[in-house]
Structures are given as structure tokens and as C-alpha cells.
């Protein structure tokens, strides 16, 4: 199998954010075929989850950004995907996150999302970012708010039921 090249690596205090690789597919598929994925486009069967992983990989060459595979430093096991997301049909550039169950509750999503947002603002020139969140997804709402995002009820949304959380502008984070 061949990994994508040219995807930047981001290191934080505890984490490494690297490009997703074929070896991360099983963890992604396990998440997307579980009830836990109901707010992230699931629950899918295995073939549909496999195709969705292909979308994650393809986003990088198509958009020049995407979701990073998140790992702990020194342990290259994928904990989930976090990053920049702007597929065709989305009204705005999004900061998104999905974590495997065993990685939740450890601050991983916050640390990875903050690093991803910083990269999007600093390296990609984004001047805003949103997170589209289902109203029932209390954990993602709490994370967005912890990141300083606020509800933007006037923003366009991909689905009428989505909430839009707008992240602080780059200058507000300095």
C-alpha cells in the first residue's frame, strides 16, 4: 500500500497529527459502522465506510487540506481524525473531529482541533472556520465551545437541522 505524500505533520505537546494512511482504515471503518458515528455521516455498512475513508484520503489532493490521523507521540496508533474539511457542497470551511471511543475524555480532540485550526489560519490563510454539529451531539458542542466557538444561527448550513459553531477569527486567538 502507498501512503499519501506531502501532507504536513503537526506536533503538539502530546500529539502527532499526520496524514491518514491505509493502515488507519480499519479504525475508521469500525467507528463509521458503529452507533457512535450517527453524528458523522454513519451508521454505514463496511463497504460504505471503506468508501468514506477514500473520501478522507482524496480530500487532501483535491483541496490541499484534510483530516489528520491523530496519534500520541511515540505511539503511531490512530486515535481518530481531526482537521480541515471543505468537501463540495459544504457552505463554509469546517474544522471537524471524530475520535475512536478509547481516545475520548483525554483532551485529545481539543489539542488536535486547536492545532488544526491554527494551521488552517496560519498556513492555509483561512479567515474563519465553522463546525457543523447535530443538536443532540452534546460532546461536540462542548468541545466547540471549549475551543471558543459560538453558535451562528445566521450561517448557511449543509442540513437544516445542523447547528453552526463559528470559531474565533485568527486575530482573536493571538
N, C-alpha and C. Protein backbone atom coordinates (compact mmCIF):
# COMPACT_ATOMS: atom_id res chain seq x y z
N UNK A 1 0.83 -1.18 0.00
CA UNK A 1 0.00 0.00 0.00
C UNK A 1 0.87 1.24 0.00
N UNK A 2 0.36 2.29 -0.59
CA UNK A 2 1.11 3.53 -0.70
C UNK A 2 0.43 4.61 0.13
N UNK A 3 1.19 5.33 0.93
CA UNK A 3 0.66 6.44 1.71
C UNK A 3 0.72 7.71 0.87
N UNK A 4 -0.18 8.64 1.15
CA UNK A 4 -0.13 9.94 0.50
C UNK A 4 1.10 10.68 0.97
N UNK A 5 1.68 11.47 0.09
CA UNK A 5 2.85 12.26 0.46
C UNK A 5 2.49 13.74 0.42
N UNK A 6 3.30 14.53 1.05
CA UNK A 6 3.12 15.97 1.01
C UNK A 6 2.16 16.50 2.06
N UNK A 7 1.60 15.64 2.88
CA UNK A 7 0.71 16.10 3.94
C UNK A 7 1.57 16.55 5.11
N UNK A 8 1.39 17.78 5.58
CA UNK A 8 2.22 18.25 6.67
C UNK A 8 1.96 17.47 7.95
N UNK A 9 2.99 17.37 8.76
CA UNK A 9 2.89 16.75 10.08
C UNK A 9 2.89 17.88 11.10
N UNK A 10 1.97 17.80 12.04
CA UNK A 10 1.88 18.78 13.12
C UNK A 10 2.16 18.06 14.42
N UNK A 11 3.01 18.65 15.24
CA UNK A 11 3.26 18.10 16.57
C UNK A 11 2.80 19.09 17.61
N UNK A 12 2.12 18.58 18.62
CA UNK A 12 1.73 19.37 19.77
C UNK A 12 2.50 18.83 20.97
N UNK A 13 2.14 19.27 22.14
CA UNK A 13 2.83 18.79 23.33
C UNK A 13 2.76 17.28 23.45
N UNK A 14 1.59 16.70 23.18
CA UNK A 14 1.40 15.25 23.36
C UNK A 14 1.14 14.48 22.08
N UNK A 15 0.78 15.19 21.00
CA UNK A 15 0.23 14.52 19.82
C UNK A 15 1.07 14.70 18.57
N UNK A 16 0.87 13.79 17.64
CA UNK A 16 1.35 13.93 16.27
C UNK A 16 0.12 13.83 15.38
N UNK A 17 -0.05 14.83 14.52
CA UNK A 17 -1.10 14.81 13.51
C UNK A 17 -0.40 14.55 12.18
N UNK A 18 -0.70 13.41 11.58
CA UNK A 18 -0.06 13.01 10.33
C UNK A 18 -1.14 12.69 9.32
N UNK A 19 -0.73 12.56 8.08
CA UNK A 19 -1.68 12.19 7.05
C UNK A 19 -2.29 10.83 7.32
N UNK A 20 -3.57 10.67 6.99
CA UNK A 20 -4.17 9.35 7.14
C UNK A 20 -3.53 8.37 6.17
N UNK A 21 -3.40 7.15 6.60
CA UNK A 21 -2.76 6.11 5.81
C UNK A 21 -3.66 4.89 5.72
N UNK A 22 -3.43 4.03 4.75
CA UNK A 22 -4.28 2.85 4.60
C UNK A 22 -4.41 2.04 5.89
N UNK A 23 -3.39 1.99 6.71
CA UNK A 23 -3.46 1.21 7.96
C UNK A 23 -4.45 1.79 8.96
N UNK A 24 -4.91 3.04 8.74
CA UNK A 24 -5.89 3.67 9.62
C UNK A 24 -7.32 3.32 9.22
N UNK A 25 -7.47 2.63 8.10
CA UNK A 25 -8.80 2.35 7.56
C UNK A 25 -9.65 1.49 8.50
N UNK A 26 -9.08 0.48 9.12
CA UNK A 26 -9.88 -0.40 9.98
C UNK A 26 -10.48 0.36 11.16
N UNK A 27 -9.70 1.22 11.79
CA UNK A 27 -10.23 2.02 12.91
C UNK A 27 -11.34 2.95 12.44
N UNK A 28 -11.13 3.57 11.28
CA UNK A 28 -12.15 4.45 10.71
C UNK A 28 -13.42 3.66 10.42
N UNK A 29 -13.27 2.51 9.79
CA UNK A 29 -14.44 1.70 9.45
C UNK A 29 -15.16 1.19 10.71
N UNK A 30 -14.40 0.84 11.73
CA UNK A 30 -15.04 0.41 12.98
C UNK A 30 -15.88 1.54 13.57
N UNK A 31 -15.34 2.76 13.52
CA UNK A 31 -16.10 3.92 14.01
C UNK A 31 -17.35 4.15 13.15
N UNK A 32 -17.17 4.18 11.84
CA UNK A 32 -18.27 4.54 10.93
C UNK A 32 -19.37 3.47 10.86
N UNK A 33 -19.07 2.24 11.26
CA UNK A 33 -20.10 1.20 11.28
C UNK A 33 -20.74 1.06 12.65
N UNK A 34 -20.31 1.89 13.60
CA UNK A 34 -20.87 1.84 14.95
C UNK A 34 -21.90 2.95 15.15
N UNK A 35 -22.71 2.80 16.15
CA UNK A 35 -23.71 3.81 16.51
C UNK A 35 -23.05 5.13 16.86
N UNK A 36 -21.80 5.10 17.27
CA UNK A 36 -21.08 6.33 17.64
C UNK A 36 -20.92 7.29 16.46
N UNK A 37 -21.07 6.79 15.23
CA UNK A 37 -20.88 7.64 14.05
C UNK A 37 -22.15 8.34 13.60
N UNK A 38 -23.22 8.22 14.35
CA UNK A 38 -24.51 8.76 13.91
C UNK A 38 -24.47 10.26 13.66
N UNK A 39 -23.53 10.98 14.25
CA UNK A 39 -23.41 12.42 14.03
C UNK A 39 -22.33 12.75 13.00
N UNK A 40 -21.72 11.75 12.42
CA UNK A 40 -20.60 11.96 11.49
C UNK A 40 -20.86 11.30 10.14
N UNK A 41 -22.10 11.14 9.78
CA UNK A 41 -22.42 10.56 8.49
C UNK A 41 -22.68 9.07 8.50
N UNK A 42 -22.58 8.41 9.66
CA UNK A 42 -22.86 6.99 9.77
C UNK A 42 -24.30 6.82 10.23
N UNK A 43 -24.69 5.67 10.50
CA UNK A 43 -24.04 4.39 10.65
C UNK A 43 -24.03 3.72 9.26
N UNK A 44 -22.84 3.32 8.83
CA UNK A 44 -22.65 2.76 7.50
C UNK A 44 -22.35 1.27 7.57
N UNK A 45 -22.54 0.57 6.45
CA UNK A 45 -22.03 -0.79 6.38
C UNK A 45 -20.54 -0.70 6.03
N UNK A 46 -19.83 -1.80 6.16
CA UNK A 46 -18.38 -1.78 5.96
C UNK A 46 -17.97 -1.27 4.56
N UNK A 47 -18.61 -1.71 3.46
CA UNK A 47 -18.19 -1.19 2.15
C UNK A 47 -18.39 0.33 2.04
N UNK A 48 -19.47 0.85 2.57
CA UNK A 48 -19.70 2.30 2.53
C UNK A 48 -18.69 3.04 3.41
N UNK A 49 -18.34 2.46 4.55
CA UNK A 49 -17.33 3.07 5.42
C UNK A 49 -15.97 3.09 4.73
N UNK A 50 -15.65 2.02 4.02
CA UNK A 50 -14.39 1.95 3.27
C UNK A 50 -14.35 3.05 2.22
N UNK A 51 -15.46 3.24 1.51
CA UNK A 51 -15.52 4.31 0.51
C UNK A 51 -15.40 5.68 1.18
N UNK A 52 -16.00 5.85 2.34
CA UNK A 52 -15.90 7.13 3.06
C UNK A 52 -14.45 7.40 3.46
N UNK A 53 -13.70 6.36 3.78
CA UNK A 53 -12.28 6.55 4.09
C UNK A 53 -11.53 7.04 2.85
N UNK A 54 -11.92 6.53 1.69
CA UNK A 54 -11.34 7.02 0.44
C UNK A 54 -11.59 8.50 0.25
N UNK A 55 -12.73 8.99 0.67
CA UNK A 55 -13.03 10.42 0.61
C UNK A 55 -12.07 11.19 1.52
N UNK A 56 -11.81 10.65 2.70
CA UNK A 56 -10.86 11.30 3.62
C UNK A 56 -9.48 11.43 2.96
N UNK A 57 -9.05 10.36 2.31
CA UNK A 57 -7.75 10.40 1.64
C UNK A 57 -7.76 11.36 0.46
N UNK A 58 -8.83 11.32 -0.33
CA UNK A 58 -8.92 12.13 -1.52
C UNK A 58 -9.08 13.61 -1.26
N UNK A 59 -9.55 13.96 -0.08
CA UNK A 59 -9.73 15.38 0.25
C UNK A 59 -8.41 16.14 0.20
N UNK A 60 -7.34 15.49 0.62
CA UNK A 60 -6.03 16.16 0.64
C UNK A 60 -5.59 16.62 -0.75
N UNK A 61 -5.50 15.73 -1.75
CA UNK A 61 -5.07 16.23 -3.06
C UNK A 61 -6.10 17.12 -3.75
N UNK A 62 -7.37 16.94 -3.44
CA UNK A 62 -8.40 17.76 -4.09
C UNK A 62 -8.49 19.17 -3.50
N UNK A 63 -8.28 19.30 -2.20
CA UNK A 63 -8.46 20.59 -1.53
C UNK A 63 -7.18 21.17 -0.93
N UNK A 64 -6.14 20.36 -0.86
CA UNK A 64 -4.90 20.86 -0.25
C UNK A 64 -4.94 20.88 1.26
N UNK A 65 -5.94 20.22 1.82
CA UNK A 65 -6.08 20.11 3.27
C UNK A 65 -6.98 18.92 3.54
N UNK A 66 -7.13 18.59 4.79
CA UNK A 66 -7.99 17.47 5.14
C UNK A 66 -7.89 17.14 6.61
N UNK A 67 -8.34 15.96 6.92
CA UNK A 67 -8.31 15.48 8.29
C UNK A 67 -6.99 14.74 8.50
N UNK A 68 -6.36 15.04 9.63
CA UNK A 68 -5.15 14.34 10.03
C UNK A 68 -5.51 13.14 10.87
N UNK A 69 -4.70 12.10 10.79
CA UNK A 69 -4.76 10.99 11.73
C UNK A 69 -4.05 11.46 12.99
N UNK A 70 -4.70 11.33 14.12
CA UNK A 70 -4.16 11.81 15.39
C UNK A 70 -3.57 10.63 16.15
N UNK A 71 -2.32 10.79 16.59
CA UNK A 71 -1.65 9.76 17.38
C UNK A 71 -0.98 10.41 18.58
N UNK A 72 -0.71 9.61 19.59
CA UNK A 72 0.09 10.09 20.71
C UNK A 72 1.56 10.03 20.28
N UNK A 73 2.36 10.97 20.75
CA UNK A 73 3.78 10.93 20.43
C UNK A 73 4.37 9.60 20.89
N UNK A 74 5.13 8.99 20.02
CA UNK A 74 5.80 7.74 20.36
C UNK A 74 4.94 6.50 20.16
N UNK A 75 3.67 6.67 19.86
CA UNK A 75 2.76 5.55 19.63
C UNK A 75 1.96 5.87 18.37
N UNK A 76 2.27 5.22 17.28
CA UNK A 76 1.69 5.59 15.99
C UNK A 76 0.37 4.87 15.70
N UNK A 77 -0.46 4.73 16.72
CA UNK A 77 -1.78 4.16 16.56
C UNK A 77 -2.78 5.29 16.41
N UNK A 78 -3.57 5.25 15.36
CA UNK A 78 -4.54 6.30 15.09
C UNK A 78 -5.62 6.31 16.17
N UNK A 79 -5.90 7.51 16.70
CA UNK A 79 -6.93 7.71 17.72
C UNK A 79 -8.20 8.30 17.14
N UNK A 80 -8.12 8.78 15.91
CA UNK A 80 -9.25 9.41 15.26
C UNK A 80 -8.74 10.36 14.18
N UNK A 81 -9.65 11.09 13.57
CA UNK A 81 -9.32 12.06 12.54
C UNK A 81 -9.81 13.44 12.95
N UNK A 82 -8.95 14.42 12.81
CA UNK A 82 -9.27 15.80 13.17
C UNK A 82 -8.65 16.70 12.11
N UNK A 83 -9.38 17.75 11.73
CA UNK A 83 -8.74 18.68 10.81
C UNK A 83 -9.67 19.54 10.01
N UNK A 84 -9.16 19.94 8.87
CA UNK A 84 -9.78 20.90 7.97
C UNK A 84 -10.62 20.14 6.94
N UNK A 85 -11.83 20.62 6.74
CA UNK A 85 -12.77 19.86 5.93
C UNK A 85 -13.58 20.84 5.09
N UNK A 86 -13.55 20.66 3.77
CA UNK A 86 -14.30 21.55 2.89
C UNK A 86 -14.70 20.81 1.62
N UNK A 87 -15.46 19.72 1.77
CA UNK A 87 -15.87 18.98 0.58
C UNK A 87 -16.90 19.77 -0.23
N UNK A 88 -17.05 19.40 -1.46
CA UNK A 88 -18.03 20.01 -2.33
C UNK A 88 -19.41 19.93 -1.67
N UNK A 89 -20.13 21.04 -1.70
CA UNK A 89 -21.47 21.07 -1.12
C UNK A 89 -21.55 21.67 0.26
N UNK A 90 -20.43 21.82 0.94
CA UNK A 90 -20.44 22.47 2.26
C UNK A 90 -20.38 23.98 2.04
N UNK A 91 -21.18 24.75 2.77
CA UNK A 91 -21.18 26.20 2.57
C UNK A 91 -19.89 26.90 3.00
N UNK A 92 -19.22 26.36 4.01
CA UNK A 92 -18.00 27.01 4.52
C UNK A 92 -16.96 25.97 4.89
N UNK A 93 -15.76 26.47 5.09
CA UNK A 93 -14.67 25.60 5.55
C UNK A 93 -14.95 25.20 7.00
N UNK A 94 -14.71 23.93 7.25
CA UNK A 94 -15.08 23.38 8.55
C UNK A 94 -13.88 22.82 9.28
N UNK A 95 -13.92 22.94 10.59
CA UNK A 95 -13.00 22.24 11.48
C UNK A 95 -13.79 21.08 12.05
N UNK A 96 -13.32 19.86 11.79
CA UNK A 96 -14.07 18.68 12.21
C UNK A 96 -13.23 17.73 13.03
N UNK A 97 -13.92 16.81 13.70
CA UNK A 97 -13.24 15.83 14.54
C UNK A 97 -14.11 14.60 14.70
N UNK A 98 -13.45 13.45 14.67
CA UNK A 98 -14.05 12.18 15.07
C UNK A 98 -12.96 11.40 15.81
N UNK A 99 -13.29 10.93 16.99
CA UNK A 99 -12.32 10.16 17.78
C UNK A 99 -12.86 8.78 18.05
N UNK A 100 -11.96 7.82 18.07
CA UNK A 100 -12.34 6.48 18.44
C UNK A 100 -12.66 6.50 19.94
N UNK A 101 -13.50 5.60 20.35
CA UNK A 101 -14.03 5.63 21.72
C UNK A 101 -12.94 5.64 22.78
N UNK A 102 -11.90 4.83 22.60
CA UNK A 102 -10.86 4.74 23.63
C UNK A 102 -10.03 6.01 23.76
N UNK A 103 -10.17 6.94 22.84
CA UNK A 103 -9.39 8.19 22.90
C UNK A 103 -10.17 9.35 23.52
N UNK A 104 -11.45 9.14 23.78
CA UNK A 104 -12.28 10.23 24.30
C UNK A 104 -11.97 10.51 25.77
N UNK A 105 -12.24 11.75 26.15
CA UNK A 105 -12.11 12.14 27.55
C UNK A 105 -10.70 12.40 28.02
N UNK A 106 -9.76 12.57 27.09
CA UNK A 106 -8.36 12.77 27.46
C UNK A 106 -7.81 14.09 26.94
N UNK A 107 -8.67 14.93 26.37
CA UNK A 107 -8.22 16.21 25.83
C UNK A 107 -7.59 16.11 24.45
N UNK A 108 -7.64 14.93 23.85
CA UNK A 108 -7.02 14.72 22.54
C UNK A 108 -7.71 15.56 21.47
N UNK A 109 -9.03 15.53 21.43
CA UNK A 109 -9.76 16.28 20.41
C UNK A 109 -9.51 17.77 20.52
N UNK A 110 -9.50 18.29 21.74
CA UNK A 110 -9.25 19.73 21.93
C UNK A 110 -7.86 20.11 21.42
N UNK A 111 -6.86 19.35 21.84
CA UNK A 111 -5.48 19.66 21.45
C UNK A 111 -5.29 19.56 19.94
N UNK A 112 -5.86 18.51 19.34
CA UNK A 112 -5.71 18.31 17.90
C UNK A 112 -6.51 19.36 17.11
N UNK A 113 -7.71 19.69 17.57
CA UNK A 113 -8.53 20.68 16.87
C UNK A 113 -7.91 22.06 16.94
N UNK A 114 -7.38 22.42 18.09
CA UNK A 114 -6.73 23.73 18.22
C UNK A 114 -5.52 23.82 17.30
N UNK A 115 -4.74 22.75 17.22
CA UNK A 115 -3.57 22.74 16.33
C UNK A 115 -4.00 22.79 14.86
N UNK A 116 -5.07 22.09 14.53
CA UNK A 116 -5.58 22.10 13.15
C UNK A 116 -6.09 23.49 12.76
N UNK A 117 -6.81 24.11 13.67
CA UNK A 117 -7.33 25.46 13.40
C UNK A 117 -6.18 26.44 13.23
N UNK A 118 -5.17 26.34 14.08
CA UNK A 118 -4.01 27.21 13.95
C UNK A 118 -3.35 27.03 12.59
N UNK A 119 -3.22 25.78 12.15
CA UNK A 119 -2.63 25.50 10.84
C UNK A 119 -3.49 26.11 9.73
N UNK A 120 -4.80 25.93 9.82
CA UNK A 120 -5.70 26.47 8.78
C UNK A 120 -5.58 27.98 8.67
N UNK A 121 -5.49 28.65 9.80
CA UNK A 121 -5.37 30.11 9.78
C UNK A 121 -3.99 30.56 9.32
N UNK A 122 -2.96 29.92 9.87
CA UNK A 122 -1.59 30.36 9.60
C UNK A 122 -1.09 29.93 8.23
N UNK A 123 -1.31 28.69 7.85
CA UNK A 123 -0.73 28.14 6.64
C UNK A 123 -1.67 28.16 5.44
N UNK A 124 -2.95 28.00 5.67
CA UNK A 124 -3.90 27.95 4.57
C UNK A 124 -4.57 29.29 4.30
N UNK A 125 -4.39 30.23 5.22
CA UNK A 125 -4.96 31.55 5.04
C UNK A 125 -6.45 31.65 5.30
N UNK A 126 -7.01 30.67 5.99
CA UNK A 126 -8.43 30.76 6.34
C UNK A 126 -8.63 31.96 7.25
N UNK A 127 -9.72 32.68 7.06
CA UNK A 127 -10.02 33.79 7.96
C UNK A 127 -11.21 33.49 8.87
N UNK A 128 -11.79 32.32 8.68
CA UNK A 128 -12.87 31.84 9.54
C UNK A 128 -12.96 30.33 9.41
N UNK A 129 -13.62 29.72 10.35
CA UNK A 129 -13.90 28.29 10.30
C UNK A 129 -15.15 28.04 11.12
N UNK A 130 -15.91 27.04 10.69
CA UNK A 130 -17.10 26.64 11.43
C UNK A 130 -17.01 25.16 11.74
N UNK A 131 -17.87 24.74 12.64
CA UNK A 131 -18.09 23.32 12.88
C UNK A 131 -19.59 23.08 12.80
N UNK A 132 -19.99 22.16 11.95
CA UNK A 132 -21.39 21.78 11.81
C UNK A 132 -21.66 20.63 12.77
N UNK A 133 -22.63 20.84 13.68
CA UNK A 133 -22.84 19.87 14.75
C UNK A 133 -24.33 19.58 14.89
N UNK A 134 -24.68 18.31 15.02
CA UNK A 134 -26.06 17.92 15.29
C UNK A 134 -26.46 18.43 16.67
N UNK A 135 -27.67 18.93 16.83
CA UNK A 135 -28.09 19.49 18.12
C UNK A 135 -28.01 18.50 19.28
N UNK A 136 -28.11 17.21 18.99
CA UNK A 136 -28.06 16.19 20.04
C UNK A 136 -26.64 15.81 20.43
N UNK A 137 -25.64 16.30 19.70
CA UNK A 137 -24.26 15.90 19.93
C UNK A 137 -23.62 16.80 21.00
N UNK A 138 -23.99 16.56 22.23
CA UNK A 138 -23.56 17.40 23.35
C UNK A 138 -22.03 17.43 23.50
N UNK A 139 -21.37 16.32 23.25
CA UNK A 139 -19.90 16.29 23.41
C UNK A 139 -19.22 17.20 22.40
N UNK A 140 -19.69 17.18 21.15
CA UNK A 140 -19.08 18.04 20.13
C UNK A 140 -19.41 19.51 20.39
N UNK A 141 -20.61 19.78 20.85
CA UNK A 141 -20.96 21.16 21.20
C UNK A 141 -20.05 21.66 22.32
N UNK A 142 -19.84 20.83 23.33
CA UNK A 142 -18.96 21.22 24.44
C UNK A 142 -17.54 21.47 23.94
N UNK A 143 -17.05 20.64 23.03
CA UNK A 143 -15.70 20.83 22.50
C UNK A 143 -15.63 22.13 21.70
N UNK A 144 -16.61 22.37 20.84
CA UNK A 144 -16.62 23.61 20.05
C UNK A 144 -16.60 24.82 20.98
N UNK A 145 -17.40 24.80 22.01
CA UNK A 145 -17.44 25.92 22.96
C UNK A 145 -16.12 26.04 23.72
N UNK A 146 -15.53 24.92 24.07
CA UNK A 146 -14.22 24.97 24.75
C UNK A 146 -13.16 25.59 23.84
N UNK A 147 -13.30 25.38 22.52
CA UNK A 147 -12.39 25.97 21.55
C UNK A 147 -12.70 27.45 21.29
N UNK A 148 -13.74 27.96 21.93
CA UNK A 148 -14.10 29.37 21.78
C UNK A 148 -15.12 29.63 20.69
N UNK A 149 -15.65 28.59 20.07
CA UNK A 149 -16.65 28.76 19.02
C UNK A 149 -17.99 29.13 19.63
N UNK A 150 -18.76 29.93 18.89
CA UNK A 150 -20.09 30.34 19.33
C UNK A 150 -21.10 30.02 18.25
N UNK A 151 -22.32 29.78 18.66
CA UNK A 151 -23.38 29.49 17.69
C UNK A 151 -23.61 30.65 16.76
N UNK A 152 -23.73 30.32 15.49
CA UNK A 152 -24.01 31.31 14.45
C UNK A 152 -25.28 30.87 13.75
N UNK A 153 -26.41 31.32 14.26
CA UNK A 153 -27.70 30.89 13.72
C UNK A 153 -28.01 31.50 12.36
N UNK A 154 -27.23 32.49 11.93
CA UNK A 154 -27.44 33.12 10.62
C UNK A 154 -26.62 32.47 9.51
N UNK A 155 -25.74 31.57 9.85
CA UNK A 155 -24.87 30.95 8.85
C UNK A 155 -25.62 29.91 8.04
N UNK A 156 -25.20 29.77 6.78
CA UNK A 156 -25.73 28.68 5.95
C UNK A 156 -25.27 27.36 6.54
N UNK A 157 -26.06 26.34 6.33
CA UNK A 157 -25.73 25.02 6.87
C UNK A 157 -26.01 23.96 5.82
N UNK A 158 -25.25 22.87 5.85
CA UNK A 158 -25.47 21.82 4.85
C UNK A 158 -26.79 21.07 5.06
N UNK A 159 -27.23 20.97 6.29
CA UNK A 159 -28.50 20.33 6.62
C UNK A 159 -29.26 21.27 7.55
N UNK A 160 -30.56 21.41 7.36
CA UNK A 160 -31.31 22.37 8.16
C UNK A 160 -31.25 22.12 9.66
N UNK A 161 -31.05 20.86 10.05
CA UNK A 161 -31.02 20.55 11.48
C UNK A 161 -29.66 20.81 12.13
N UNK A 162 -28.61 21.01 11.34
CA UNK A 162 -27.28 21.27 11.90
C UNK A 162 -27.23 22.58 12.66
N UNK A 163 -26.45 22.60 13.72
CA UNK A 163 -26.06 23.85 14.36
C UNK A 163 -24.73 24.26 13.75
N UNK A 164 -24.51 25.55 13.65
CA UNK A 164 -23.24 26.06 13.15
C UNK A 164 -22.54 26.75 14.30
N UNK A 165 -21.32 26.29 14.59
CA UNK A 165 -20.48 26.94 15.60
C UNK A 165 -19.33 27.62 14.87
N UNK A 166 -19.22 28.93 15.04
CA UNK A 166 -18.18 29.71 14.38
C UNK A 166 -17.00 29.88 15.34
N UNK A 167 -15.83 29.53 14.83
CA UNK A 167 -14.61 29.63 15.64
C UNK A 167 -14.12 31.07 15.66
N UNK A 168 -13.38 31.44 16.70
CA UNK A 168 -12.82 32.79 16.75
C UNK A 168 -11.94 33.06 15.53
N UNK A 169 -11.96 34.29 15.06
CA UNK A 169 -11.13 34.69 13.94
C UNK A 169 -9.65 34.60 14.33
N UNK A 170 -8.77 34.49 13.35
CA UNK A 170 -7.34 34.35 13.67
C UNK A 170 -6.82 35.45 14.60
N UNK A 171 -7.21 36.68 14.34
CA UNK A 171 -6.68 37.79 15.17
C UNK A 171 -7.20 37.71 16.61
N UNK A 172 -8.32 37.07 16.84
CA UNK A 172 -8.85 36.93 18.19
C UNK A 172 -8.09 35.88 19.00
N UNK A 173 -7.32 35.06 18.33
CA UNK A 173 -6.58 33.99 19.01
C UNK A 173 -5.14 34.37 19.34
N UNK A 174 -4.72 35.55 18.89
CA UNK A 174 -3.31 35.94 19.10
C UNK A 174 -3.10 36.58 20.44
